[in-house]
Amino acid sequence: MSHAGFKDHFSGHAAAYAAARPGYPPALFDWLAAQCAQRELAWDAGCGNGQASVALAAHFRRVHASDPSAAQIAAAAPHPRVSYAVERGERCGLPDASADLVTVAQALHWFDLTAFYAEVRRVLRPGAVIAVWTYGLNRIEGADDPGIDALLRGLHDDTLGPHWPPERRHVAAGYRDLPFPFAEIAAPDFVLRCDWTLPQFLAYLASWSAAQRHLAATGRDAIAEAAPALQAAWGDPRQSRAVVWPLALRIGRTAASESR
């Protein structure tokens, strides 16, 4: 059962979300693991369908992956070193000072940050690492019509603009407007890249929370309506295009000696 009190924009299309969302670059997890003195346990909070959780399992002996949505957990990819839990990030089931890394992938803007950061400090070992990241609107490389990015911006801002939750503004800001009370670590630039056909890209757009909210509010499928113009810009829908999202990261470390 999903936990009451959290803003749930994805449970209603959890399976489609899991199928359509892009994966993160392996180099990101290589770098994160290198920042950790130990690699016993990572906690992936707000794990959704487990994309980051499974990637962390390549580097950590155990991964605790939590999300308040039972539907998202049910759609998550199984892995022998990943334990999934239906729980809010603000109330984690892990013991004190047990984790070497906490990650939040594309979900920090949904959390009660004061309560969540208190849990992070409780769960992390002294001197351990917290990493949060987000990605906003993508760009398409190699499209025949340079106006494709303008079409996407119009879909995102104008057609779907009223249907984005207010928290979306934090994604647009790359989380720079959110408090982050940890000693920050400079991170390399990472990009998320997928080589997708047009149907794959349209499936991703349909997974946007605003697309689902627009459909529920108006009965109109904004992605289907935008598809002809996007196809004209894309070209052959079977042609793979590079879809690229820069990742905005904030990486921090707890104090070497935390009072608990």
Protein backbone atom coordinates (compact mmCIF):
# COMPACT_ATOMS: atom_id res chain seq x y z
CA MET A 1 0.00 0.00 0.00
CA SER A 2 1.27 3.48 -0.88
CA HIS A 3 1.83 5.89 1.97
CA ALA A 4 -0.73 8.63 2.50
CA GLY A 5 0.40 12.22 2.59
CA PHE A 6 2.89 12.19 -0.27
CA LYS A 7 2.31 13.79 -3.67
CA ASP A 8 1.84 10.84 -6.00
CA HIS A 9 2.06 11.77 -9.69
CA PHE A 10 3.29 8.46 -11.07
CA SER A 11 1.56 5.45 -9.48
CA GLY A 12 -1.26 5.58 -12.02
CA HIS A 13 1.17 4.91 -14.87
CA ALA A 14 4.01 3.15 -13.02
CA ALA A 15 4.55 0.39 -15.59
CA ALA A 16 4.65 2.86 -18.47
CA TYR A 17 6.98 5.09 -16.46
CA ALA A 18 9.36 2.18 -15.85
CA ALA A 19 9.37 1.22 -19.52
CA ALA A 20 9.84 4.73 -20.88
CA ARG A 21 12.32 6.43 -18.57
CA PRO A 22 15.98 6.70 -19.61
CA GLY A 23 18.77 5.01 -17.67
CA TYR A 24 21.60 6.90 -15.99
CA PRO A 25 25.21 6.82 -17.25
CA PRO A 26 27.37 4.12 -15.61
CA ALA A 27 30.17 6.68 -15.20
CA LEU A 28 28.00 8.52 -12.67
CA PHE A 29 27.86 5.49 -10.37
CA ASP A 30 31.56 4.74 -10.87
CA TRP A 31 32.33 8.26 -9.69
CA LEU A 32 29.90 8.16 -6.76
CA ALA A 33 31.32 4.86 -5.51
CA ALA A 34 34.82 6.34 -5.68
CA GLN A 35 33.75 9.10 -3.26
CA CYS A 36 32.78 6.55 -0.57
CA ALA A 37 35.26 5.22 1.98
CA GLN A 38 33.20 2.03 2.29
CA ARG A 39 30.76 0.32 -0.06
CA GLU A 40 28.68 -1.78 2.26
CA LEU A 41 25.27 -0.13 1.96
CA ALA A 42 23.66 2.49 -0.26
CA TRP A 43 20.18 3.89 0.26
CA ASP A 44 18.33 4.97 -2.88
CA ALA A 45 15.48 7.14 -1.60
CA GLY A 46 12.48 7.80 -3.82
CA CYS A 47 13.77 4.97 -6.00
CA GLY A 48 10.76 4.79 -8.33
CA ASN A 49 11.27 1.85 -10.67
CA GLY A 50 14.79 1.15 -9.36
CA GLN A 51 16.94 2.44 -12.21
CA ALA A 52 19.53 4.00 -9.90
CA SER A 53 19.10 1.21 -7.33
CA VAL A 54 20.19 -1.52 -9.73
CA ALA A 55 23.09 0.59 -10.99
CA LEU A 56 24.28 1.11 -7.40
CA ALA A 57 24.23 -2.65 -6.83
CA ALA A 58 27.22 -2.97 -9.17
CA HIS A 59 29.27 -1.06 -6.58
CA PHE A 60 27.71 -1.72 -3.16
CA ARG A 61 27.23 -4.97 -1.29
CA ARG A 62 23.65 -4.01 -0.40
CA VAL A 63 21.20 -1.41 -1.67
CA HIS A 64 18.13 -0.32 0.27
CA ALA A 65 15.69 1.12 -2.30
CA SER A 66 12.62 2.91 -0.95
CA ASP A 67 9.62 4.63 -2.45
CA PRO A 68 6.22 5.51 -0.96
CA SER A 69 4.44 4.22 -4.09
CA ALA A 70 3.63 0.51 -3.95
CA ALA A 71 2.88 0.64 -7.70
CA GLN A 72 6.36 1.96 -8.46
CA ILE A 73 7.98 -0.69 -6.27
CA ALA A 74 5.90 -3.39 -7.99
CA ALA A 75 7.29 -2.20 -11.35
CA ALA A 76 10.90 -2.06 -10.12
CA ALA A 77 13.63 -4.25 -11.59
CA PRO A 78 14.64 -7.10 -9.24
CA HIS A 79 18.28 -7.57 -8.24
CA PRO A 80 19.77 -9.93 -5.65
CA ARG A 81 21.57 -7.10 -3.82
CA VAL A 82 18.64 -4.66 -3.88
CA SER A 83 15.98 -4.73 -1.16
CA TYR A 84 12.89 -2.71 -2.03
CA ALA A 85 10.70 -1.10 0.62
CA VAL A 86 7.44 0.84 0.38
CA GLU A 87 8.27 3.71 2.70
CA ARG A 88 8.72 7.46 2.66
CA GLY A 89 12.18 8.93 2.53
CA GLU A 90 11.31 10.98 5.60
CA ARG A 91 10.95 7.77 7.63
CA CYS A 92 13.51 5.19 6.57
CA GLY A 93 13.70 1.70 8.05
CA LEU A 94 17.50 1.59 8.12
CA PRO A 95 19.38 1.76 11.44
CA ASP A 96 21.49 4.69 12.58
CA ALA A 97 24.89 5.26 10.96
CA SER A 98 24.49 2.30 8.60
CA ALA A 99 24.78 3.70 5.06
CA ASP A 100 27.79 4.83 3.06
CA LEU A 101 25.80 6.65 0.39
CA VAL A 102 22.32 8.12 -0.01
CA THR A 103 21.06 8.88 -3.50
CA VAL A 104 17.94 10.64 -4.73
CA ALA A 105 17.45 10.44 -8.49
CA GLN A 106 14.91 12.89 -9.99
CA ALA A 107 12.81 12.92 -6.80
CA LEU A 108 14.21 15.38 -4.23
CA HIS A 109 11.62 18.03 -5.15
CA TRP A 110 8.83 15.81 -3.80
CA PHE A 111 10.34 15.39 -0.32
CA ASP A 112 9.73 17.21 2.95
CA LEU A 113 13.36 18.33 3.03
CA THR A 114 13.63 19.13 6.72
CA ALA A 115 12.42 15.66 7.71
CA PHE A 116 14.33 13.92 4.94
CA TYR A 117 17.64 15.57 5.73
CA ALA A 118 17.22 14.60 9.37
CA GLU A 119 16.85 10.98 8.24
CA VAL A 120 19.88 11.30 5.98
CA ARG A 121 22.00 12.49 8.89
CA ARG A 122 20.66 9.68 11.04
CA VAL A 123 21.21 6.92 8.49
CA LEU A 124 24.56 7.96 6.99
CA ARG A 125 27.83 7.07 8.64
CA PRO A 126 29.99 10.06 9.65
CA GLY A 127 31.81 11.37 6.60
CA ALA A 128 29.51 9.53 4.18
CA VAL A 129 28.02 10.91 0.98
CA ILE A 130 24.63 12.16 -0.20
CA ALA A 131 24.07 12.61 -3.94
CA VAL A 132 20.98 14.11 -5.53
CA TRP A 133 20.37 14.84 -9.18
CA THR A 134 17.75 15.91 -11.65
CA TYR A 135 17.28 16.46 -15.36
CA GLY A 136 14.88 18.78 -17.09
CA LEU A 137 13.99 19.30 -20.73
CA ASN A 138 16.08 17.32 -23.20
CA ARG A 139 17.49 18.26 -26.56
CA ILE A 140 17.54 16.17 -29.74
CA GLU A 141 20.83 15.87 -31.58
CA GLY A 142 20.90 15.38 -35.34
CA ALA A 143 17.25 16.17 -36.09
CA ASP A 144 16.64 17.44 -39.62
CA ASP A 145 14.56 20.38 -38.44
CA PRO A 146 16.34 22.62 -35.92
CA GLY A 147 12.90 23.69 -34.71
CA ILE A 148 12.30 20.39 -32.93
CA ASP A 149 13.65 21.80 -29.68
CA ALA A 150 11.25 24.74 -30.05
CA LEU A 151 8.37 22.28 -30.51
CA LEU A 152 9.38 20.50 -27.33
CA ARG A 153 9.63 23.77 -25.43
CA GLY A 154 6.16 24.77 -26.60
CA LEU A 155 4.74 21.41 -25.53
CA HIS A 156 6.49 21.58 -22.16
CA ASP A 157 5.85 25.23 -21.33
CA ASP A 158 2.64 26.16 -23.13
CA THR A 159 0.45 23.11 -23.73
CA LEU A 160 1.42 21.30 -20.53
CA GLY A 161 2.56 24.30 -18.50
CA PRO A 162 -0.60 24.61 -16.36
CA HIS A 163 -0.49 20.91 -15.54
CA TRP A 164 3.03 20.70 -14.13
CA PRO A 165 3.07 20.40 -10.33
CA PRO A 166 4.59 23.50 -8.71
CA GLU A 167 7.59 21.45 -7.57
CA ARG A 168 8.66 21.20 -11.21
CA ARG A 169 10.26 24.63 -10.87
CA HIS A 170 13.00 23.03 -8.77
CA VAL A 171 13.84 20.69 -11.64
CA ALA A 172 14.07 23.65 -14.02
CA ALA A 173 16.45 25.32 -11.55
CA GLY A 174 18.66 22.23 -11.34
CA TYR A 175 17.94 22.00 -7.58
CA ARG A 176 20.09 25.10 -6.97
CA ASP A 177 17.16 26.76 -5.20
CA LEU A 178 16.72 23.91 -2.71
CA PRO A 179 18.52 23.82 0.64
CA PHE A 180 21.39 21.36 0.79
CA PRO A 181 22.97 21.48 4.27
CA PHE A 182 26.04 19.37 3.56
CA ALA A 183 29.66 20.08 2.69
CA GLU A 184 29.41 20.10 -1.09
CA ILE A 185 31.71 18.17 -3.40
CA ALA A 186 32.34 19.36 -6.95
CA ALA A 187 31.18 16.79 -9.48
CA PRO A 188 32.10 16.25 -13.12
CA ASP A 189 29.58 17.05 -15.83
CA PHE A 190 27.44 14.02 -16.62
CA VAL A 191 24.87 13.70 -19.36
CA LEU A 192 22.07 11.22 -19.79
CA ARG A 193 21.82 9.99 -23.39
CA CYS A 194 19.45 7.58 -25.15
CA ASP A 195 19.39 6.61 -28.83
CA TRP A 196 15.65 6.42 -29.41
CA THR A 197 13.22 6.06 -32.28
CA LEU A 198 10.30 8.46 -32.40
CA PRO A 199 7.85 5.97 -30.80
CA GLN A 200 10.28 5.48 -27.91
CA PHE A 201 10.63 9.24 -27.49
CA LEU A 202 6.87 9.76 -27.57
CA ALA A 203 6.47 7.07 -24.89
CA TYR A 204 8.90 9.04 -22.72
CA LEU A 205 6.92 12.25 -23.24
CA ALA A 206 3.73 10.40 -22.33
CA SER A 207 5.35 9.45 -18.99
CA TRP A 208 5.61 13.11 -17.98
CA SER A 209 3.41 13.80 -14.98
CA ALA A 210 1.99 16.89 -16.72
CA ALA A 211 0.98 14.82 -19.76
CA GLN A 212 -0.98 12.50 -17.50
CA ARG A 213 -2.55 15.38 -15.58
CA HIS A 214 -3.49 17.13 -18.83
CA LEU A 215 -5.16 13.95 -20.09
CA ALA A 216 -7.10 13.53 -16.86
CA ALA A 217 -8.21 17.16 -16.79
CA THR A 218 -9.12 17.64 -20.45
CA GLY A 219 -9.58 14.16 -21.93
CA ARG A 220 -7.08 15.15 -24.63
CA ASP A 221 -3.78 13.39 -25.29
CA ALA A 222 -1.31 16.25 -25.74
CA ILE A 223 1.48 13.92 -26.85
CA ALA A 224 -0.63 12.30 -29.58
CA GLU A 225 -1.70 15.74 -30.75
CA ALA A 226 1.92 16.92 -30.91
CA ALA A 227 3.15 13.75 -32.63
CA PRO A 228 2.58 14.85 -36.28
CA ALA A 229 4.63 18.03 -35.87
CA LEU A 230 7.32 16.16 -33.96
CA GLN A 231 7.45 13.51 -36.68
CA ALA A 232 7.84 16.16 -39.37
CA ALA A 233 10.85 17.51 -37.47
CA TRP A 234 12.22 14.06 -36.58
CA GLY A 235 12.01 12.47 -40.03
CA ASP A 236 11.67 8.71 -40.42
CA PRO A 237 10.12 7.60 -37.10
CA ARG A 238 12.24 4.44 -37.21
CA GLN A 239 15.39 6.54 -37.31
CA SER A 240 17.23 6.65 -33.98
CA ARG A 241 18.09 10.08 -32.67
CA ALA A 242 20.30 11.01 -29.76
CA VAL A 243 18.14 12.34 -26.91
CA VAL A 244 20.33 14.15 -24.39
CA TRP A 245 19.67 15.54 -20.91
CA PRO A 246 22.39 17.30 -18.88
CA LEU A 247 22.32 16.09 -15.28
CA ALA A 248 22.26 18.67 -12.50
CA LEU A 249 23.97 17.19 -9.43
CA ARG A 250 24.47 18.21 -5.84
CA ILE A 251 26.88 16.03 -3.92
CA GLY A 252 27.65 16.46 -0.23
CA ARG A 253 29.31 14.82 2.72
CA THR A 254 28.25 14.60 6.33
CA ALA A 255 30.64 15.80 8.98
CA ALA A 256 33.33 13.33 10.06
CA SER A 257 31.80 13.40 13.53
CA GLU A 258 28.01 13.74 13.60
CA SER A 259 26.10 14.25 16.84
CA ARG A 260 23.29 11.71 17.03
